[in-house]
Amino acid sequence: MTIKLAFANQKGGVGKSALILQTAYYAAQKKLKVLVIDMDGKGNLSTKIATRQQIEQLPKRFTCSVNLFDPNLEKITVLNCKYGIDLIPSRINDQQLYTQEKAPLNTIINPHNNLAIFAQNYDLVIIDCPSSLGNLFLAGIVAADKIIMPLQISSFVVDSLSGLFEVVEKLQKIGKKDLEIAGILINSFNARNKQQHQAIKKLREKLGNLMMETVIANRSTIDKATNQAKPIWKIRSGAARLASLELTEAIEEIFERTGVNNERN
């Protein structure tokens, strides 16, 4: 069964790209067929999964995320990338993709429709949603089945939670009945900060099972792995091993919450 998983938070700077990268790497290592879709017009995630040169020189025959908005799209051709991940990229600062923010609201269903059959080739489809509540964000959510919301206590704003909850509730009412927030993941946690401990406690009291058990600490090796565009377990250091254990524990919990098979048969 294919799981289409969106990573989404309307607030930026929550470590979303790092989590997507490591989740994709981990799934591919487990022999799952993985497709990542970059719905963010900046294209930052695309230049990590592929290379900047590949994205800058991408031939027109390959499908970019902007093409998914075409109601008459006939064929999807993905970019095969390192570590066994397939990618539907965004070009760097893709102005054509940004114009979708001004398109009629009914166009947000097009990526969902175009992926409906194609996504069945994969075990896991990961959708990177931009940090806004515009059409691109909505299109990414509509194309997904489950949502993981990364959250940093240092950047916590109640609106970033309530805004996503409201969007999901509205989409459920108009036909996406199975769409759900599968988990809220605390990222870049500072264990020495008492206020952050208190904030997590309050969130757990308020949101209950929506809060993931795993908490990811603020570790420089995660940034290092992201900058080098490699699985964190390929960085040889004690700090990296600790971060790797923490990340893989979080990813395992994501898989359990979303129904991703841990290993392809």
C-alpha atoms as a PDB file:
ATOM      1  CA  MET A   1       0.000   0.000   0.000  1.00  0.00           C
ATOM      2  CA  THR A   2       1.258   3.454  -0.925  1.00  0.00           C
ATOM      3  CA  ILE A   3       1.456   6.037   1.839  1.00  0.00           C
ATOM      4  CA  LYS A   4       1.483   9.682   0.745  1.00  0.00           C
ATOM      5  CA  LEU A   5       2.974  11.706   3.565  1.00  0.00           C
ATOM      6  CA  ALA A   6       3.149  15.500   3.716  1.00  0.00           C
ATOM      7  CA  PHE A   7       5.555  17.338   5.987  1.00  0.00           C
ATOM      8  CA  ALA A   8       3.878  20.639   6.682  1.00  0.00           C
ATOM      9  CA  ASN A   9       4.036  23.678   8.910  1.00  0.00           C
ATOM     10  CA  GLN A  10       2.949  27.126   7.817  1.00  0.00           C
ATOM     11  CA  LYS A  11       5.866  28.526   9.814  1.00  0.00           C
ATOM     12  CA  GLY A  12       9.367  28.165   8.345  1.00  0.00           C
ATOM     13  CA  GLY A  13      12.609  27.327  10.108  1.00  0.00           C
ATOM     14  CA  VAL A  14      11.357  24.203  11.858  1.00  0.00           C
ATOM     15  CA  GLY A  15      13.875  21.761  10.345  1.00  0.00           C
ATOM     16  CA  LYS A  16      11.437  20.289   7.841  1.00  0.00           C
ATOM     17  CA  SER A  17      13.961  19.709   5.045  1.00  0.00           C
ATOM     18  CA  ALA A  18      16.365  17.828   7.319  1.00  0.00           C
ATOM     19  CA  LEU A  19      13.573  15.560   8.530  1.00  0.00           C
ATOM     20  CA  ILE A  20      12.378  14.859   4.988  1.00  0.00           C
ATOM     21  CA  LEU A  21      15.895  14.038   3.821  1.00  0.00           C
ATOM     22  CA  GLN A  22      16.603  11.615   6.636  1.00  0.00           C
ATOM     23  CA  THR A  23      13.161  10.005   6.379  1.00  0.00           C
ATOM     24  CA  ALA A  24      13.679   9.433   2.648  1.00  0.00           C
ATOM     25  CA  TYR A  25      17.198   8.074   3.186  1.00  0.00           C
ATOM     26  CA  TYR A  26      16.020   5.734   5.917  1.00  0.00           C
ATOM     27  CA  ALA A  27      13.086   4.429   3.893  1.00  0.00           C
ATOM     28  CA  ALA A  28      15.314   3.814   0.870  1.00  0.00           C
ATOM     29  CA  GLN A  29      17.821   1.980   3.054  1.00  0.00           C
ATOM     30  CA  LYS A  30      14.947  -0.259   4.165  1.00  0.00           C
ATOM     31  CA  LYS A  31      14.416  -1.110   0.463  1.00  0.00           C
ATOM     32  CA  LEU A  32      11.196   0.876   0.191  1.00  0.00           C
ATOM     33  CA  LYS A  33      10.470   2.617  -3.088  1.00  0.00           C
ATOM     34  CA  VAL A  34      10.521   6.320  -2.241  1.00  0.00           C
ATOM     35  CA  LEU A  35       9.361   9.373  -4.179  1.00  0.00           C
ATOM     36  CA  VAL A  36       9.911  12.914  -2.884  1.00  0.00           C
ATOM     37  CA  ILE A  37       7.909  15.828  -4.302  1.00  0.00           C
ATOM     38  CA  ASP A  38       9.213  19.350  -3.720  1.00  0.00           C
ATOM     39  CA  MET A  39       6.268  21.773  -3.665  1.00  0.00           C
ATOM     40  CA  ASP A  40       8.412  24.680  -2.476  1.00  0.00           C
ATOM     41  CA  GLY A  41       9.388  27.105  -5.236  1.00  0.00           C
ATOM     42  CA  LYS A  42      12.743  27.788  -3.584  1.00  0.00           C
ATOM     43  CA  GLY A  43      13.923  24.343  -4.633  1.00  0.00           C
ATOM     44  CA  ASN A  44      16.210  23.928  -1.617  1.00  0.00           C
ATOM     45  CA  LEU A  45      15.193  20.349  -0.928  1.00  0.00           C
ATOM     46  CA  SER A  46      15.612  19.432  -4.594  1.00  0.00           C
ATOM     47  CA  THR A  47      19.243  20.591  -4.574  1.00  0.00           C
ATOM     48  CA  LYS A  48      19.927  18.274  -1.639  1.00  0.00           C
ATOM     49  CA  ILE A  49      18.270  15.135  -2.962  1.00  0.00           C
ATOM     50  CA  ALA A  50      19.755  15.769  -6.406  1.00  0.00           C
ATOM     51  CA  THR A  51      22.537  18.320  -6.932  1.00  0.00           C
ATOM     52  CA  ARG A  52      22.284  22.010  -7.689  1.00  0.00           C
ATOM     53  CA  GLN A  53      23.819  21.397 -11.113  1.00  0.00           C
ATOM     54  CA  GLN A  54      21.281  18.665 -11.908  1.00  0.00           C
ATOM     55  CA  ILE A  55      18.402  20.959 -11.002  1.00  0.00           C
ATOM     56  CA  GLU A  56      19.817  23.947 -12.877  1.00  0.00           C
ATOM     57  CA  GLN A  57      20.388  21.860 -16.011  1.00  0.00           C
ATOM     58  CA  LEU A  58      17.288  19.670 -15.741  1.00  0.00           C
ATOM     59  CA  PRO A  59      16.045  18.689 -19.221  1.00  0.00           C
ATOM     60  CA  LYS A  60      12.429  19.528 -20.034  1.00  0.00           C
ATOM     61  CA  ARG A  61      11.515  15.858 -20.344  1.00  0.00           C
ATOM     62  CA  PHE A  62      11.558  15.539 -16.554  1.00  0.00           C
ATOM     63  CA  THR A  63       8.472  16.384 -14.544  1.00  0.00           C
ATOM     64  CA  CYS A  64       8.738  19.264 -12.075  1.00  0.00           C
ATOM     65  CA  SER A  65       6.212  19.979  -9.348  1.00  0.00           C
ATOM     66  CA  VAL A  66       4.757  22.865 -11.384  1.00  0.00           C
ATOM     67  CA  ASN A  67       3.828  20.352 -14.109  1.00  0.00           C
ATOM     68  CA  LEU A  68       1.621  18.483 -11.646  1.00  0.00           C
ATOM     69  CA  PHE A  69      -0.804  21.410 -11.810  1.00  0.00           C
ATOM     70  CA  ASP A  70      -1.415  20.723 -15.502  1.00  0.00           C
ATOM     71  CA  PRO A  71      -4.913  19.172 -15.773  1.00  0.00           C
ATOM     72  CA  ASN A  72      -3.861  17.475 -19.014  1.00  0.00           C
ATOM     73  CA  LEU A  73      -0.534  16.021 -17.863  1.00  0.00           C
ATOM     74  CA  GLU A  74       0.045  12.845 -19.855  1.00  0.00           C
ATOM     75  CA  LYS A  75       3.261  11.465 -18.391  1.00  0.00           C
ATOM     76  CA  ILE A  76       5.348  11.781 -15.243  1.00  0.00           C
ATOM     77  CA  THR A  77       9.108  11.301 -15.567  1.00  0.00           C
ATOM     78  CA  VAL A  78      11.010  11.419 -12.282  1.00  0.00           C
ATOM     79  CA  LEU A  79      14.638  12.156 -11.535  1.00  0.00           C
ATOM     80  CA  ASN A  80      16.509   9.137 -10.159  1.00  0.00           C
ATOM     81  CA  CYS A  81      18.805  10.352  -7.381  1.00  0.00           C
ATOM     82  CA  LYS A  82      21.486   9.061  -5.032  1.00  0.00           C
ATOM     83  CA  TYR A  83      20.640   6.618  -2.260  1.00  0.00           C
ATOM     84  CA  GLY A  84      17.793   5.233  -4.384  1.00  0.00           C
ATOM     85  CA  ILE A  85      15.363   8.145  -4.053  1.00  0.00           C
ATOM     86  CA  ASP A  86      13.173   9.365  -6.923  1.00  0.00           C
ATOM     87  CA  LEU A  87      12.364  13.059  -7.119  1.00  0.00           C
ATOM     88  CA  ILE A  88       9.819  15.377  -8.668  1.00  0.00           C
ATOM     89  CA  PRO A  89      11.773  18.575  -8.092  1.00  0.00           C
ATOM     90  CA  SER A  90      11.101  22.241  -7.994  1.00  0.00           C
ATOM     91  CA  ARG A  91      13.455  24.317 -10.065  1.00  0.00           C
ATOM     92  CA  ILE A  92      15.450  26.873  -8.081  1.00  0.00           C
ATOM     93  CA  ASN A  93      13.286  29.940  -7.408  1.00  0.00           C
ATOM     94  CA  ASP A  94      10.701  28.565  -9.821  1.00  0.00           C
ATOM     95  CA  GLN A  95       8.634  31.568 -10.850  1.00  0.00           C
ATOM     96  CA  GLN A  96       6.204  29.370 -12.780  1.00  0.00           C
ATOM     97  CA  LEU A  97       5.494  27.406  -9.625  1.00  0.00           C
ATOM     98  CA  TYR A  98       5.013  30.608  -7.640  1.00  0.00           C
ATOM     99  CA  THR A  99       2.337  31.743 -10.120  1.00  0.00           C
ATOM    100  CA  GLN A 100       0.200  28.846  -8.923  1.00  0.00           C
ATOM    101  CA  GLU A 101      -0.376  30.837  -5.744  1.00  0.00           C
ATOM    102  CA  LYS A 102      -2.566  33.175  -7.830  1.00  0.00           C
ATOM    103  CA  ALA A 103      -4.316  30.424  -9.780  1.00  0.00           C
ATOM    104  CA  PRO A 104      -7.986  29.556  -9.129  1.00  0.00           C
ATOM    105  CA  LEU A 105      -8.402  27.537  -5.935  1.00  0.00           C
ATOM    106  CA  ASN A 106      -9.812  24.548  -7.792  1.00  0.00           C
ATOM    107  CA  THR A 107      -6.380  23.909  -9.360  1.00  0.00           C
ATOM    108  CA  ILE A 108      -5.054  22.553  -6.054  1.00  0.00           C
ATOM    109  CA  ILE A 109      -6.692  19.207  -6.846  1.00  0.00           C
ATOM    110  CA  ASN A 110      -4.618  18.686 -10.015  1.00  0.00           C
ATOM    111  CA  PRO A 111      -1.458  17.279  -8.349  1.00  0.00           C
ATOM    112  CA  HIS A 112      -3.633  14.826  -6.420  1.00  0.00           C
ATOM    113  CA  ASN A 113      -5.323  13.683  -9.622  1.00  0.00           C
ATOM    114  CA  ASN A 114      -2.072  13.416 -11.580  1.00  0.00           C
ATOM    115  CA  LEU A 115      -0.427  11.367  -8.822  1.00  0.00           C
ATOM    116  CA  ALA A 116      -3.384   9.077  -8.150  1.00  0.00           C
ATOM    117  CA  ILE A 117      -2.175   6.241 -10.378  1.00  0.00           C
ATOM    118  CA  PHE A 118       1.528   7.076 -10.645  1.00  0.00           C
ATOM    119  CA  ALA A 119       2.033   7.064  -6.861  1.00  0.00           C
ATOM    120  CA  GLN A 120       1.075   3.388  -6.768  1.00  0.00           C
ATOM    121  CA  ASN A 121       4.588   2.621  -8.056  1.00  0.00           C
ATOM    122  CA  TYR A 122       5.946   3.593  -4.630  1.00  0.00           C
ATOM    123  CA  ASP A 123       5.720   2.481  -1.032  1.00  0.00           C
ATOM    124  CA  LEU A 124       6.204   6.004   0.291  1.00  0.00           C
ATOM    125  CA  VAL A 125       5.578   9.380  -1.320  1.00  0.00           C
ATOM    126  CA  ILE A 126       6.904  12.322   0.705  1.00  0.00           C
ATOM    127  CA  ILE A 127       5.573  15.787  -0.093  1.00  0.00           C
ATOM    128  CA  ASP A 128       7.450  18.891   1.020  1.00  0.00           C
ATOM    129  CA  CYS A 129       4.920  21.684   1.564  1.00  0.00           C
ATOM    130  CA  PRO A 130       6.077  25.319   1.579  1.00  0.00           C
ATOM    131  CA  SER A 131       5.754  27.346   4.770  1.00  0.00           C
ATOM    132  CA  SER A 132       2.608  29.264   3.852  1.00  0.00           C
ATOM    133  CA  LEU A 133      -1.127  28.667   3.614  1.00  0.00           C
ATOM    134  CA  GLY A 134      -1.308  29.364  -0.127  1.00  0.00           C
ATOM    135  CA  ASN A 135      -2.234  27.144  -3.048  1.00  0.00           C
ATOM    136  CA  LEU A 136       1.071  25.243  -3.057  1.00  0.00           C
ATOM    137  CA  PHE A 137       0.671  24.351   0.603  1.00  0.00           C
ATOM    138  CA  LEU A 138      -2.930  23.282   0.043  1.00  0.00           C
ATOM    139  CA  ALA A 139      -2.049  21.251  -3.059  1.00  0.00           C
ATOM    140  CA  GLY A 140       0.585  19.347  -1.095  1.00  0.00           C
ATOM    141  CA  ILE A 141      -1.871  18.607   1.696  1.00  0.00           C
ATOM    142  CA  VAL A 142      -4.634  17.547  -0.704  1.00  0.00           C
ATOM    143  CA  ALA A 143      -2.236  15.154  -2.467  1.00  0.00           C
ATOM    144  CA  ALA A 144      -1.350  13.496   0.850  1.00  0.00           C
ATOM    145  CA  ASP A 145      -3.040  10.945   3.095  1.00  0.00           C
ATOM    146  CA  LYS A 146      -1.185  11.763   6.298  1.00  0.00           C
ATOM    147  CA  ILE A 147       0.548  14.855   7.681  1.00  0.00           C
ATOM    148  CA  ILE A 148       3.565  15.138   9.951  1.00  0.00           C
ATOM    149  CA  MET A 149       4.030  18.572  11.488  1.00  0.00           C
ATOM    150  CA  PRO A 150       7.572  19.422  12.632  1.00  0.00           C
ATOM    151  CA  LEU A 151       7.592  22.000  15.406  1.00  0.00           C
ATOM    152  CA  GLN A 152      10.334  23.922  17.179  1.00  0.00           C
ATOM    153  CA  ILE A 153       9.515  25.156  20.649  1.00  0.00           C
ATOM    154  CA  SER A 154      11.670  28.237  20.091  1.00  0.00           C
ATOM    155  CA  SER A 155       9.500  29.223  17.129  1.00  0.00           C
ATOM    156  CA  PHE A 156       6.209  28.018  18.558  1.00  0.00           C
ATOM    157  CA  VAL A 157       3.188  30.074  17.636  1.00  0.00           C
ATOM    158  CA  VAL A 158      -0.307  28.804  18.444  1.00  0.00           C
ATOM    159  CA  ASP A 159      -1.474  30.035  15.044  1.00  0.00           C
ATOM    160  CA  SER A 160       0.865  27.603  13.262  1.00  0.00           C
ATOM    161  CA  LEU A 161      -0.997  24.738  14.926  1.00  0.00           C
ATOM    162  CA  SER A 162      -4.520  26.084  14.709  1.00  0.00           C
ATOM    163  CA  GLY A 163      -4.011  27.161  11.089  1.00  0.00           C
ATOM    164  CA  LEU A 164      -3.106  23.626  10.003  1.00  0.00           C
ATOM    165  CA  PHE A 165      -5.911  22.110  12.062  1.00  0.00           C
ATOM    166  CA  GLU A 166      -8.425  24.419  10.390  1.00  0.00           C
ATOM    167  CA  VAL A 167      -7.123  23.560   6.914  1.00  0.00           C
ATOM    168  CA  VAL A 168      -7.357  19.817   7.553  1.00  0.00           C
ATOM    169  CA  GLU A 169     -10.853  20.146   9.004  1.00  0.00           C
ATOM    170  CA  LYS A 170     -12.059  22.108   5.960  1.00  0.00           C
ATOM    171  CA  LEU A 171     -10.533  19.601   3.540  1.00  0.00           C
ATOM    172  CA  GLN A 172     -12.131  16.711   5.422  1.00  0.00           C
ATOM    173  CA  LYS A 173     -15.516  18.378   5.043  1.00  0.00           C
ATOM    174  CA  ILE A 174     -15.156  18.774   1.276  1.00  0.00           C
ATOM    175  CA  GLY A 175     -14.112  15.211   0.512  1.00  0.00           C
ATOM    176  CA  LYS A 176     -10.679  14.393   2.004  1.00  0.00           C
ATOM    177  CA  LYS A 177     -12.276  12.389   4.807  1.00  0.00           C
ATOM    178  CA  ASP A 178      -9.216  10.188   5.415  1.00  0.00           C
ATOM    179  CA  LEU A 179      -6.755  13.079   5.633  1.00  0.00           C
ATOM    180  CA  GLU A 180      -5.295  13.375   9.106  1.00  0.00           C
ATOM    181  CA  ILE A 181      -2.466  14.877  11.101  1.00  0.00           C
ATOM    182  CA  ALA A 182      -0.568  11.747  12.095  1.00  0.00           C
ATOM    183  CA  GLY A 183       1.809  13.422  14.484  1.00  0.00           C
ATOM    184  CA  ILE A 184       3.451  16.611  15.711  1.00  0.00           C
ATOM    185  CA  LEU A 185       7.207  16.166  16.062  1.00  0.00           C
ATOM    186  CA  ILE A 186       9.272  18.402  18.340  1.00  0.00           C
ATOM    187  CA  ASN A 187      12.528  19.245  16.594  1.00  0.00           C
ATOM    188  CA  SER A 188      15.700  21.059  17.743  1.00  0.00           C
ATOM    189  CA  PHE A 189      14.773  20.614  21.384  1.00  0.00           C
ATOM    190  CA  ASN A 190      17.073  22.166  23.993  1.00  0.00           C
ATOM    191  CA  ALA A 191      17.046  19.748  26.934  1.00  0.00           C
ATOM    192  CA  ARG A 192      18.743  22.336  29.178  1.00  0.00           C
ATOM    193  CA  ASN A 193      15.956  24.850  28.727  1.00  0.00           C
ATOM    194  CA  LYS A 194      13.314  24.503  31.457  1.00  0.00           C
ATOM    195  CA  GLN A 195      10.832  26.616  29.494  1.00  0.00           C
ATOM    196  CA  GLN A 196      10.980  24.182  26.599  1.00  0.00           C
ATOM    197  CA  HIS A 197      10.292  21.260  28.941  1.00  0.00           C
ATOM    198  CA  GLN A 198       7.300  23.157  30.316  1.00  0.00           C
ATOM    199  CA  ALA A 199       6.073  23.997  26.819  1.00  0.00           C
ATOM    200  CA  ILE A 200       6.207  20.342  25.747  1.00  0.00           C
ATOM    201  CA  LYS A 201       4.326  19.308  28.874  1.00  0.00           C
ATOM    202  CA  LYS A 202       1.559  21.810  28.107  1.00  0.00           C
ATOM    203  CA  LEU A 203       1.395  20.670  24.485  1.00  0.00           C
ATOM    204  CA  ARG A 204       1.062  17.031  25.530  1.00  0.00           C
ATOM    205  CA  GLU A 205      -1.696  17.949  27.982  1.00  0.00           C
ATOM    206  CA  LYS A 206      -3.554  19.875  25.291  1.00  0.00           C
ATOM    207  CA  LEU A 207      -2.960  17.698  22.221  1.00  0.00           C
ATOM    208  CA  GLY A 208      -2.544  14.244  23.721  1.00  0.00           C
ATOM    209  CA  ASN A 209      -1.697  11.490  21.243  1.00  0.00           C
ATOM    210  CA  LEU A 210      -1.104  13.978  18.424  1.00  0.00           C
ATOM    211  CA  MET A 211       2.251  14.740  20.048  1.00  0.00           C
ATOM    212  CA  MET A 212       4.889  12.222  19.022  1.00  0.00           C
ATOM    213  CA  GLU A 213       6.714  10.466  21.834  1.00  0.00           C
ATOM    214  CA  THR A 214      10.103  10.981  20.200  1.00  0.00           C
ATOM    215  CA  VAL A 215      11.733  14.379  20.581  1.00  0.00           C
ATOM    216  CA  ILE A 216      14.702  15.395  18.420  1.00  0.00           C
ATOM    217  CA  ALA A 217      17.368  17.420  20.170  1.00  0.00           C
ATOM    218  CA  ASN A 218      19.186  20.391  18.698  1.00  0.00           C
ATOM    219  CA  ARG A 219      22.303  18.726  17.293  1.00  0.00           C
ATOM    220  CA  SER A 220      24.825  20.290  14.929  1.00  0.00           C
ATOM    221  CA  THR A 221      25.457  16.934  13.245  1.00  0.00           C
ATOM    222  CA  ILE A 222      21.928  17.018  11.815  1.00  0.00           C
ATOM    223  CA  ASP A 223      22.743  20.315  10.103  1.00  0.00           C
ATOM    224  CA  LYS A 224      26.029  18.796   8.934  1.00  0.00           C
ATOM    225  CA  ALA A 225      24.251  15.819   7.378  1.00  0.00           C
ATOM    226  CA  THR A 226      21.766  18.156   5.675  1.00  0.00           C
ATOM    227  CA  ASN A 227      24.514  20.399   4.299  1.00  0.00           C
ATOM    228  CA  GLN A 228      26.421  17.375   2.995  1.00  0.00           C
ATOM    229  CA  ALA A 229      23.191  15.803   1.684  1.00  0.00           C
ATOM    230  CA  LYS A 230      23.902  12.401   3.171  1.00  0.00           C
ATOM    231  CA  PRO A 231      22.313  10.034   5.697  1.00  0.00           C
ATOM    232  CA  ILE A 232      23.378  11.004   9.171  1.00  0.00           C
ATOM    233  CA  TRP A 233      24.517   7.441   9.887  1.00  0.00           C
ATOM    234  CA  LYS A 234      27.227   7.893   7.252  1.00  0.00           C
ATOM    235  CA  ILE A 235      28.881  10.596   9.353  1.00  0.00           C
ATOM    236  CA  ARG A 236      31.474   8.938  11.586  1.00  0.00           C
ATOM    237  CA  SER A 237      31.438  10.515  15.023  1.00  0.00           C
ATOM    238  CA  GLY A 238      30.006   9.878  18.457  1.00  0.00           C
ATOM    239  CA  ALA A 239      27.700  12.867  18.145  1.00  0.00           C
ATOM    240  CA  ALA A 240      26.435  11.625  14.792  1.00  0.00           C
ATOM    241  CA  ARG A 241      25.709   8.169  16.215  1.00  0.00           C
ATOM    242  CA  LEU A 242      23.591   9.706  18.967  1.00  0.00           C
ATOM    243  CA  ALA A 243      21.742  11.925  16.491  1.00  0.00           C
ATOM    244  CA  SER A 244      21.260   8.946  14.170  1.00  0.00           C
ATOM    245  CA  LEU A 245      19.667   6.879  16.939  1.00  0.00           C
ATOM    246  CA  GLU A 246      17.332   9.740  17.787  1.00  0.00           C
ATOM    247  CA  LEU A 247      16.348  10.403  14.180  1.00  0.00           C
ATOM    248  CA  THR A 248      15.767   6.759  13.319  1.00  0.00           C
ATOM    249  CA  GLU A 249      13.619   6.382  16.425  1.00  0.00           C
ATOM    250  CA  ALA A 250      11.546   9.373  15.263  1.00  0.00           C
ATOM    251  CA  ILE A 251      11.263   7.980  11.731  1.00  0.00           C
ATOM    252  CA  GLU A 252      10.201   4.573  13.049  1.00  0.00           C
ATOM    253  CA  GLU A 253       7.466   6.319  15.034  1.00  0.00           C
ATOM    254  CA  ILE A 254       6.398   8.246  11.920  1.00  0.00           C
ATOM    255  CA  PHE A 255       6.168   4.977   9.996  1.00  0.00           C
ATOM    256  CA  GLU A 256       4.134   3.361  12.779  1.00  0.00           C
ATOM    257  CA  ARG A 257       1.758   6.314  12.966  1.00  0.00           C
ATOM    258  CA  THR A 258       1.239   6.534   9.218  1.00  0.00           C
ATOM    259  CA  GLY A 259       1.133   2.845   8.323  1.00  0.00           C
ATOM    260  CA  VAL A 260       4.377   2.720   6.333  1.00  0.00           C
ATOM    261  CA  ASN A 261       5.669  -0.843   6.101  1.00  0.00           C
ATOM    262  CA  ASN A 262       9.039  -0.841   7.819  1.00  0.00           C
ATOM    263  CA  GLU A 263      10.648  -3.025   5.192  1.00  0.00           C
ATOM    264  CA  ARG A 264       9.660  -4.033   1.665  1.00  0.00           C
ATOM    265  CA  ASN A 265       8.850  -7.690   1.256  1.00  0.00           C
END
